[in-house]
Structures are given as structure tokens and as C-alpha cells.
Amino acid sequence: MIQVKIEKNGQNFKKVKVLGHAMYDNYGKDIVCSAASSIVITTINGILSLDKGSLSYIVSTKGMDITVKSDDKTTQVLIRNMISLLKELEVNYPDNIEVK
């Protein structure tokens, strides 16, 4: 199961961790992992194209750790949208992804 862990400071997002594998299908054929990866990577690339200093991320074999360094409105809205999309994925695949 993919686990998405969110840390906030008041209304602002500070960290997002995306860990694990959805186990919907084999590696390379898993549509839930593919969707989650696309949502997260597209969001990161969009934010970094606007402001390279607004976040940092680390990719490991366990998943991805995202640290949000900026409280600006655009960064926060894009992170909120990413989480909303991941929650929608959770509604459709509750056995494969959990957003906390």
C-alpha cells in the first residue's frame, strides 16, 4: 500500500512523504502507482519551474520525501491540489493508497 503522510504548520504544508507500493499489480504494470507517481512528479516539476527554492525532495527505494520551503500562495495551492488528487485516488483504490 502507498502511504502518504502530510505534515502541516497551521494551514501551510511543510512535508509530504509518499512511501511504499500500491500492490494493485506487478511493478511496471501498477496503474495506482503510476497515477500516484504522475500526480506527485507533475506537481513537483510545476512548482520547481516557478521557483526552484520553494521545495526540495529526496527519492529513495522506500519512496519520496518532499519538504516545502515556501509558504507562498502558489506553492501551497499546488501542494493542496496534489493532496486532493491523491485523496481522490484513495477513494477509488482504498486498498492500495492511504492519505493521512
Protein backbone atom coordinates (compact mmCIF):
# COMPACT_ATOMS: atom_id res chain seq x y z
CA MET A 1 0.00 0.00 0.00
CA ILE A 2 1.14 3.54 -0.76
CA GLN A 3 1.10 5.71 2.34
CA VAL A 4 1.01 9.48 2.01
CA LYS A 5 1.89 11.30 5.22
CA ILE A 6 1.29 15.05 5.44
CA GLU A 7 2.77 17.50 7.94
CA LYS A 8 1.35 20.99 8.29
CA ASN A 9 2.20 24.08 10.28
CA GLY A 10 -1.16 25.76 10.76
CA GLN A 11 -2.69 25.97 7.29
CA ASN A 12 0.62 25.57 5.45
CA PHE A 13 2.00 22.27 4.19
CA LYS A 14 5.56 21.58 5.36
CA LYS A 15 6.30 17.95 4.46
CA VAL A 16 4.78 15.22 2.34
CA LYS A 17 6.06 11.65 2.42
CA VAL A 18 4.99 9.14 -0.21
CA LEU A 19 6.04 5.64 0.77
CA GLY A 20 5.51 2.10 -0.45
CA HIS A 21 3.97 0.33 -3.42
CA ALA A 22 0.26 0.10 -4.20
CA MET A 23 0.34 -3.67 -4.87
CA TYR A 24 -2.51 -3.29 -7.33
CA ASP A 25 -0.45 -5.13 -9.97
CA ASN A 26 3.16 -6.11 -10.67
CA TYR A 27 5.87 -3.46 -10.78
CA GLY A 28 5.73 -1.66 -14.10
CA LYS A 29 2.05 -2.53 -14.60
CA ASP A 30 0.54 -0.98 -11.47
CA ILE A 31 -1.92 1.75 -12.50
CA VAL A 32 -2.29 3.07 -8.95
CA CYS A 33 1.47 3.54 -8.55
CA SER A 34 1.60 5.10 -11.98
CA ALA A 35 -1.19 7.56 -11.16
CA ALA A 36 0.31 8.49 -7.77
CA SER A 37 3.77 8.97 -9.29
CA SER A 38 2.39 11.11 -12.09
CA ILE A 39 0.46 13.32 -9.67
CA VAL A 40 3.44 13.85 -7.38
CA ILE A 41 6.13 14.31 -10.05
CA THR A 42 3.99 16.67 -12.15
CA THR A 43 3.30 18.80 -9.06
CA ILE A 44 6.96 18.92 -8.05
CA ASN A 45 8.09 19.82 -11.56
CA GLY A 46 5.42 22.55 -11.82
CA ILE A 47 6.39 24.12 -8.51
CA LEU A 48 10.12 23.98 -9.26
CA SER A 49 9.58 25.55 -12.69
CA LEU A 50 8.08 28.57 -10.92
CA ASP A 51 10.53 28.78 -8.01
CA LYS A 52 13.49 26.40 -7.64
CA GLY A 53 13.85 27.24 -3.95
CA SER A 54 10.26 26.57 -2.93
CA LEU A 55 10.74 22.89 -2.13
CA SER A 56 13.25 20.08 -2.00
CA TYR A 57 12.77 16.36 -2.36
CA ILE A 58 14.63 13.12 -1.83
CA VAL A 59 13.87 9.93 -3.74
CA SER A 60 14.81 6.60 -2.15
CA THR A 61 13.91 2.96 -2.60
CA LYS A 62 11.19 3.49 0.03
CA GLY A 63 9.55 6.44 -1.74
CA MET A 64 9.83 10.22 -1.73
CA ASP A 65 10.19 12.89 0.96
CA ILE A 66 9.12 16.38 -0.03
CA THR A 67 10.00 19.39 2.11
CA VAL A 68 8.00 22.53 1.34
CA LYS A 69 10.24 25.54 1.97
CA SER A 70 7.87 28.26 0.83
CA ASP A 71 4.59 29.47 2.27
CA ASP A 72 3.74 31.42 -0.89
CA LYS A 73 0.20 31.02 -2.17
CA THR A 74 1.08 29.32 -5.48
CA THR A 75 3.23 26.61 -3.87
CA GLN A 76 0.63 25.93 -1.19
CA VAL A 77 -2.23 25.76 -3.72
CA LEU A 78 -0.31 23.32 -5.91
CA ILE A 79 0.56 21.09 -2.92
CA ARG A 80 -3.09 21.22 -1.79
CA ASN A 81 -4.17 20.21 -5.30
CA MET A 82 -1.69 17.31 -5.29
CA ILE A 83 -3.07 16.06 -1.98
CA SER A 84 -6.63 16.43 -3.23
CA LEU A 85 -5.82 14.32 -6.29
CA LEU A 86 -4.13 11.67 -4.12
CA LYS A 87 -7.21 11.59 -1.85
CA GLU A 88 -9.42 11.10 -4.91
CA LEU A 89 -7.20 8.18 -5.91
CA GLU A 90 -7.61 6.83 -2.36
CA VAL A 91 -11.42 6.93 -2.72
CA ASN A 92 -11.20 4.80 -5.86
CA TYR A 93 -8.47 2.44 -4.59
CA PRO A 94 -8.78 2.30 -0.77
CA ASP A 95 -6.86 -0.99 -0.55
CA ASN A 96 -3.88 0.47 -2.41
CA ILE A 97 -3.33 4.04 -1.20
CA GLU A 98 -3.88 5.81 2.12
CA VAL A 99 -3.55 9.56 2.67
CA LYS A 100 -3.05 10.67 6.30
